[in-house]
Protein backbone atom coordinates (compact mmCIF):
# COMPACT_ATOMS: atom_id res chain seq x y z
CA MET A 1 -29.09 -15.67 27.55
CA LYS A 2 -29.47 -19.62 27.18
CA ILE A 3 -27.32 -21.46 24.44
CA VAL A 4 -28.37 -24.81 23.14
CA LYS A 5 -25.64 -26.35 21.11
CA ASP A 6 -26.63 -28.57 18.15
CA THR A 7 -24.40 -32.09 18.41
CA ASN A 8 -24.90 -33.17 14.82
CA LYS A 9 -21.39 -33.07 13.29
CA ARG A 10 -23.08 -32.08 9.86
CA ALA A 11 -23.97 -28.70 11.44
CA GLU A 12 -20.37 -27.62 11.90
CA ILE A 13 -18.59 -25.08 9.54
CA LYS A 14 -15.71 -26.64 8.24
CA VAL A 15 -13.11 -24.25 6.58
CA PRO A 16 -11.87 -25.56 3.21
CA PRO A 17 -8.06 -26.32 2.31
CA ASN A 18 -6.32 -23.29 1.56
CA SER A 19 -5.06 -23.28 -2.19
CA ARG A 20 -3.15 -20.23 -1.54
CA VAL A 21 0.79 -20.26 -2.36
CA PRO A 22 2.29 -18.34 0.27
CA ILE A 23 5.19 -15.67 -0.63
CA GLU A 24 7.83 -15.99 1.59
CA THR A 25 9.48 -12.59 2.23
CA PRO A 26 12.08 -11.11 4.43
CA ASP A 27 10.73 -10.77 8.18
CA ASN A 28 10.76 -6.94 7.90
CA MET A 29 8.51 -6.99 4.45
CA PHE A 30 4.82 -7.22 4.62
CA GLU A 31 2.72 -10.13 3.81
CA HIS A 32 2.03 -10.76 0.36
CA HIS A 33 0.00 -10.32 -2.04
CA GLY A 34 -1.29 -6.98 -0.53
CA LEU A 35 -3.04 -3.57 -1.33
CA MET A 36 -0.95 -0.47 0.15
CA LEU A 37 -2.45 2.63 0.34
CA VAL A 38 0.03 5.68 0.88
CA LEU A 39 -1.26 8.93 1.73
CA GLY A 40 0.42 12.70 1.94
CA LYS A 41 0.30 15.74 0.70
CA ARG A 42 1.97 16.97 -2.83
CA GLN A 43 5.74 16.07 -2.84
CA SER A 44 5.43 14.63 0.71
CA GLY A 45 7.28 11.79 -0.55
CA LYS A 46 4.36 9.01 -1.14
CA SER A 47 6.15 7.68 -4.28
CA VAL A 48 9.56 7.73 -2.75
CA PHE A 49 8.13 5.25 0.04
CA ILE A 50 6.63 2.75 -2.34
CA THR A 51 9.69 2.75 -4.63
CA ASN A 52 11.90 2.02 -1.93
CA TYR A 53 9.57 -0.59 -0.35
CA LEU A 54 9.59 -2.32 -4.22
CA ARG A 55 13.32 -1.87 -4.40
CA MET A 56 13.69 -3.83 -1.02
CA LEU A 57 11.52 -6.40 -2.65
CA LYS A 58 13.28 -6.68 -5.72
CA ASP A 59 16.60 -6.80 -3.66
CA ALA A 60 15.28 -10.09 -1.90
CA ASN A 61 14.19 -11.33 -5.11
CA LYS A 62 10.35 -10.92 -4.70
CA ALA A 63 9.64 -8.69 -7.31
CA ASP A 64 9.83 -10.16 -10.70
CA ARG A 65 7.96 -7.64 -12.79
CA ILE A 66 6.51 -4.12 -11.88
CA ILE A 67 3.72 -2.43 -13.85
CA VAL A 68 3.40 1.32 -13.06
CA VAL A 69 0.44 3.21 -14.19
CA SER A 70 1.28 6.78 -14.15
CA PRO A 71 0.87 9.82 -16.59
CA THR A 72 4.32 10.77 -16.04
CA ILE A 73 6.28 7.83 -15.34
CA LEU A 74 8.01 7.77 -18.80
CA SER A 75 9.69 11.23 -17.63
CA ASN A 76 10.88 9.85 -14.41
CA LYS A 77 13.92 7.75 -15.50
CA ALA A 78 15.36 7.58 -12.14
CA LEU A 79 12.50 5.38 -11.15
CA LEU A 80 12.43 3.28 -14.20
CA ASN A 81 15.95 2.67 -13.73
CA SER A 82 16.18 1.84 -10.07
CA LEU A 83 13.67 -0.78 -10.41
CA HIS A 84 14.48 -2.09 -13.89
CA ILE A 85 10.92 -1.41 -15.31
CA GLU A 86 10.43 -1.94 -18.89
CA ASP A 87 8.73 0.78 -21.26
CA ASP A 88 6.12 -1.95 -22.08
CA ASP A 89 5.16 -2.03 -18.19
CA CYS A 90 4.51 1.59 -17.98
CA LEU A 91 0.83 2.44 -18.53
CA ASP A 92 -1.30 5.61 -19.31
CA PRO A 93 -4.08 5.90 -16.43
CA ASP A 94 -6.15 7.89 -19.13
CA ASP A 95 -6.07 4.75 -21.47
CA PRO A 96 -9.58 3.13 -21.20
CA MET A 97 -7.80 -0.30 -21.90
CA CYS A 98 -5.45 0.22 -18.67
CA ILE A 99 -6.80 -2.33 -16.55
CA ASP A 100 -7.05 -4.84 -19.26
CA LYS A 101 -3.65 -4.48 -20.07
CA ILE A 102 -2.59 -5.07 -16.54
CA ARG A 103 -4.73 -8.38 -16.55
CA ASP A 104 -3.13 -9.28 -19.80
CA ILE A 105 0.31 -9.06 -18.68
CA ILE A 106 -0.57 -11.41 -15.51
CA ASP A 107 -2.22 -13.97 -17.86
CA GLU A 108 0.70 -13.71 -20.02
CA GLU A 109 2.87 -14.43 -16.82
CA ARG A 110 0.67 -17.39 -15.92
CA ASP A 111 0.63 -18.87 -19.03
CA THR A 112 4.58 -18.78 -19.42
CA PHE A 113 4.92 -20.30 -15.79
CA VAL A 114 2.41 -23.15 -16.73
CA HIS A 115 4.39 -23.86 -20.23
CA GLU A 116 7.67 -23.72 -18.16
CA ILE A 117 6.09 -26.27 -15.45
CA ASP A 118 4.93 -28.54 -18.21
CA LYS A 119 7.83 -28.77 -19.82
CA ILE A 120 9.99 -29.34 -16.57
CA ALA A 121 7.83 -32.14 -16.11
CA ARG A 122 8.15 -33.76 -19.64
CA PHE A 123 12.10 -33.30 -19.04
CA ARG A 124 11.85 -35.38 -16.03
CA GLU A 125 10.09 -38.16 -17.70
CA LEU A 126 12.35 -38.21 -20.35
CA LYS A 127 15.23 -38.44 -17.91
CA LYS A 128 13.86 -41.25 -16.03
CA VAL A 129 14.17 -43.17 -19.67
CA TYR A 130 17.51 -42.06 -19.95
CA ASP A 131 18.63 -43.04 -16.41
CA GLY A 132 17.05 -46.78 -17.33
CA ASP A 133 19.09 -49.62 -18.52
CA ARG A 134 18.84 -50.88 -22.21
CA VAL A 135 15.94 -48.54 -23.48
CA PRO A 136 15.06 -49.45 -26.66
CA ILE A 137 15.25 -46.46 -29.06
CA ASP A 138 11.38 -46.52 -30.02
CA ALA A 139 10.83 -45.85 -26.40
CA ILE A 140 11.87 -42.28 -26.43
CA ASP A 141 9.75 -39.64 -27.74
CA PRO A 142 11.92 -38.05 -30.74
CA TYR A 143 10.27 -34.63 -30.11
CA SER A 144 11.44 -34.53 -26.52
CA LEU A 145 15.12 -35.62 -27.89
CA LEU A 146 14.92 -32.56 -30.00
CA GLU A 147 13.92 -30.44 -27.50
CA PHE A 148 15.76 -31.42 -24.45
CA THR A 149 19.30 -32.34 -25.95
CA ASP A 150 22.23 -30.31 -27.63
CA ASP A 151 24.26 -31.10 -30.62
CA MET A 152 26.14 -33.83 -28.80
CA GLY A 153 22.85 -35.51 -27.38
CA ASN A 154 23.47 -34.25 -23.85
CA LEU A 155 20.53 -33.64 -21.92
CA ILE A 156 19.67 -29.74 -21.30
CA GLU A 157 17.54 -29.39 -18.29
CA PRO A 158 14.71 -26.74 -18.43
CA THR A 159 14.57 -24.05 -15.53
CA LEU A 160 11.77 -21.42 -14.44
CA ARG A 161 12.63 -17.90 -15.99
CA TYR A 162 12.73 -16.37 -12.41
CA GLY A 163 13.48 -19.61 -10.36
CA HIS A 164 10.30 -19.37 -8.94
CA ARG A 165 6.38 -18.50 -9.38
CA PRO A 166 6.27 -15.22 -10.86
CA ILE A 167 5.86 -12.49 -8.16
CA LEU A 168 4.22 -9.28 -9.66
CA HIS A 169 3.56 -5.87 -8.24
CA VAL A 170 1.29 -2.78 -9.72
CA PHE A 171 2.04 0.63 -8.62
CA PHE A 172 -0.70 3.38 -9.34
CA ASP A 173 1.19 6.86 -8.99
CA ASP A 174 -0.14 10.36 -9.41
CA CYS A 175 -3.66 8.46 -10.68
CA GLN A 176 -6.39 9.97 -8.27
CA SER A 177 -8.18 12.30 -10.66
CA SER A 178 -7.54 10.35 -13.71
CA PRO A 179 -10.23 7.85 -15.34
CA VAL A 180 -8.54 4.80 -14.29
CA PHE A 181 -9.98 5.55 -10.73
CA ARG A 182 -13.53 5.71 -11.77
CA ASN A 183 -13.27 2.66 -13.97
CA LYS A 184 -15.28 -0.09 -12.36
CA LYS A 185 -12.54 -2.79 -13.59
CA LEU A 186 -10.20 -1.32 -11.33
CA LEU A 187 -12.24 -2.06 -8.45
CA ASN A 188 -12.98 -5.25 -9.40
CA ALA A 189 -9.11 -6.13 -10.04
CA ALA A 190 -8.12 -4.35 -6.62
CA ILE A 191 -10.86 -6.64 -4.72
CA ARG A 192 -9.41 -9.72 -6.38
CA HIS A 193 -5.74 -8.70 -6.73
CA ARG A 194 -4.87 -12.04 -4.91
CA HIS A 195 -7.06 -13.97 -7.40
CA LEU A 196 -5.72 -12.72 -10.88
CA GLY A 197 -4.02 -14.80 -13.03
CA GLY A 198 -5.82 -18.15 -11.99
CA ILE A 199 -4.43 -21.60 -12.72
CA THR A 200 -6.96 -23.96 -13.78
CA HIS A 201 -4.71 -26.86 -14.49
CA ASN A 202 -4.90 -29.84 -12.42
CA PRO A 203 -2.84 -29.59 -9.01
CA LYS A 204 -2.92 -33.26 -8.64
CA LYS A 205 -0.81 -33.45 -11.95
CA HIS A 206 1.61 -30.81 -11.18
CA LYS A 207 1.58 -29.67 -7.47
CA ASP A 208 3.09 -26.33 -8.72
CA LEU A 209 0.03 -25.41 -10.42
CA GLN A 210 -2.53 -24.70 -8.10
CA GLY A 211 -4.45 -20.95 -6.89
CA ALA A 212 -3.31 -17.94 -8.68
CA LEU A 213 -0.57 -15.90 -9.32
CA GLY A 214 -1.96 -12.76 -7.96
CA CYS A 215 -0.32 -9.50 -7.48
CA SER A 216 0.35 -7.04 -4.99
CA MET A 217 -0.95 -3.32 -5.76
CA TYR A 218 0.01 0.14 -4.46
CA PHE A 219 -1.84 3.70 -4.59
CA ALA A 220 0.09 6.68 -3.85
CA ILE A 221 -2.81 9.13 -3.06
CA GLN A 222 -3.26 12.60 -1.71
CA ASN A 223 -6.79 11.81 0.57
CA LEU A 224 -9.01 9.06 1.11
CA LYS A 225 -12.42 10.75 1.06
CA ALA A 226 -12.08 14.09 -0.87
CA GLN A 227 -14.84 14.59 -3.37
CA GLY A 228 -13.86 14.58 -7.23
CA GLY A 229 -11.33 11.96 -7.36
CA SER A 230 -11.29 10.14 -3.84
CA CYS A 231 -10.11 6.97 -3.14
CA PRO A 232 -12.90 4.27 -4.08
CA LYS A 233 -14.39 2.54 -1.00
CA ALA A 234 -14.04 -0.81 -2.34
CA ILE A 235 -10.32 -0.38 -2.24
CA ARG A 236 -10.09 1.37 1.15
CA ASN A 237 -12.00 -1.35 2.60
CA ASN A 238 -9.42 -4.18 1.07
CA ALA A 239 -6.19 -2.13 2.26
CA THR A 240 -3.83 -4.47 3.89
CA GLN A 241 -1.54 -1.40 4.65
CA ILE A 242 -2.02 2.29 4.80
CA VAL A 243 0.81 4.64 5.19
CA VAL A 244 0.55 8.12 6.02
CA VAL A 245 3.65 10.16 4.85
CA GLY A 246 4.14 13.47 6.80
CA LYS A 247 1.52 15.31 8.30
CA VAL A 248 -1.92 15.35 6.85
CA LYS A 249 -3.66 18.31 5.65
CA ASP A 250 -6.55 19.18 8.35
CA GLU A 251 -8.22 17.33 11.50
CA ALA A 252 -11.11 16.16 9.00
CA GLU A 253 -8.48 14.12 6.70
CA LEU A 254 -7.19 12.60 10.00
CA LYS A 255 -10.40 11.30 11.05
CA ASP A 256 -11.26 10.02 7.67
CA ILE A 257 -8.04 7.72 7.76
CA TYR A 258 -8.71 6.52 11.38
CA SER A 259 -12.40 5.63 10.17
CA SER A 260 -10.76 3.35 7.61
CA VAL A 261 -8.87 1.53 10.31
CA ALA A 262 -11.24 2.03 13.12
CA GLY A 263 -12.56 -1.65 13.52
CA GLU A 264 -9.05 -2.64 14.01
CA ILE A 265 -7.24 -0.02 15.83
CA ASP A 266 -7.83 1.96 19.25
CA LYS A 267 -7.99 5.64 18.37
CA ASP A 268 -5.60 6.60 21.34
CA ASP A 269 -2.86 4.23 19.72
CA PHE A 270 -3.46 5.52 16.52
CA MET A 271 -3.26 9.13 17.47
CA LYS A 272 0.11 8.35 19.52
CA GLY A 273 1.76 6.24 16.72
CA TYR A 274 0.58 9.13 14.18
CA GLU A 275 2.07 12.12 16.47
CA TYR A 276 5.31 10.04 17.01
CA ALA A 277 6.03 8.76 13.89
CA THR A 278 5.34 12.02 11.79
CA GLN A 279 7.46 14.40 13.74
CA GLU A 280 10.18 14.97 11.16
CA ARG A 281 9.28 16.00 7.64
CA HIS A 282 8.93 12.88 5.14
CA ASN A 283 8.67 10.45 7.66
CA SER A 284 5.97 7.83 7.65
CA PHE A 285 3.56 6.22 9.86
CA VAL A 286 2.96 2.72 8.47
CA ILE A 287 -0.30 0.72 9.70
CA ASP A 288 -0.38 -2.85 8.95
CA LEU A 289 -3.71 -4.27 8.99
CA HIS A 290 -2.20 -7.81 8.52
CA PRO A 291 1.02 -8.02 10.37
CA LYS A 292 3.28 -11.17 10.38
CA LYS A 293 2.93 -13.25 13.47
CA THR A 294 6.88 -12.59 13.83
CA HIS A 295 6.05 -8.65 13.93
CA PRO A 296 5.95 -6.75 17.60
CA SER A 297 3.41 -4.38 16.30
CA ARG A 298 1.41 -3.63 13.62
CA PHE A 299 2.59 0.40 13.58
CA ARG A 300 5.87 1.26 12.28
CA LYS A 301 7.66 4.50 11.98
CA ASN A 302 8.74 4.28 8.34
CA LEU A 303 9.94 0.55 7.61
CA ASN A 304 12.78 0.12 10.12
CA GLU A 305 11.32 1.26 13.38
CA TYR A 306 8.23 -0.60 15.16
CA ILE A 307 6.14 1.25 17.39
CA VAL A 308 4.82 -0.94 20.34
CA MET A 309 2.14 0.18 22.56
CA GLY A 310 -0.99 -0.82 24.25
CA ASP A 311 -2.86 -3.49 22.40
CA SER A 312 -0.92 -2.83 19.17
CA VAL A 313 1.29 -5.62 20.26
CA GLU A 314 0.50 -8.86 18.29
CA LYS A 315 -0.19 -11.68 20.65
């Protein structure tokens, strides 16, 4: 084989600047935004796994709003109370407008965030005038005075509602055979989950207004490829984590799970990790397809035990 290199600089591929705004999470958490698939038999503990992970994120102030799509969520008060989920954020997977409502919520959060950033910028301009010496009264915008001062004329500094960019999560529970899984809008939203709630304001004017809010998505499902209600391929191919809760039903299903990660993971490592992690009932085998550089392995048992072996160790 002979290789001839073109020395023309214009022929080089240049990676454009990344407009993504990273979400800093505790070291034991996954990279975000993500798309997590959690598989298991009925009553294996799929929802428990996702709920606990969302609780950990909420404790770390990394889950400002959680949307749950489930036909049974309103009857699960324990889940609603533990994650402080409002009734308006509980959606029905049989509703043909379900995905539109999710996108409307994300856009609403984006618009509120943009308004807050603009308000903070206007306050800073007013404060510059206030901090100056001998400022003529006609140099101060009267509407700004009304907006940013109390009855005594003291400045009131505006803040962000959450203290940071909104961090959003969408949990699909018990939806696999429902209309939402056959809705093309779901596939589009899952593929573009990081880019939902795009911000079109000029980032040069406001550095915080760039990229998109995005959201992380979580799917509790019983199988990957079974007929009549399988997980859509577009969602499988975009998964950032695949979690197997308990033992799978049969060898064919285990092969389906491995085939979804075969390009990333050695089969022997996969089988060793699966057998070790699922020895006890309700325990989980976690496969992180996009681990942080600080993580010693892409495999875990549950969320607190890394399984380090062979090529699974991140260099």
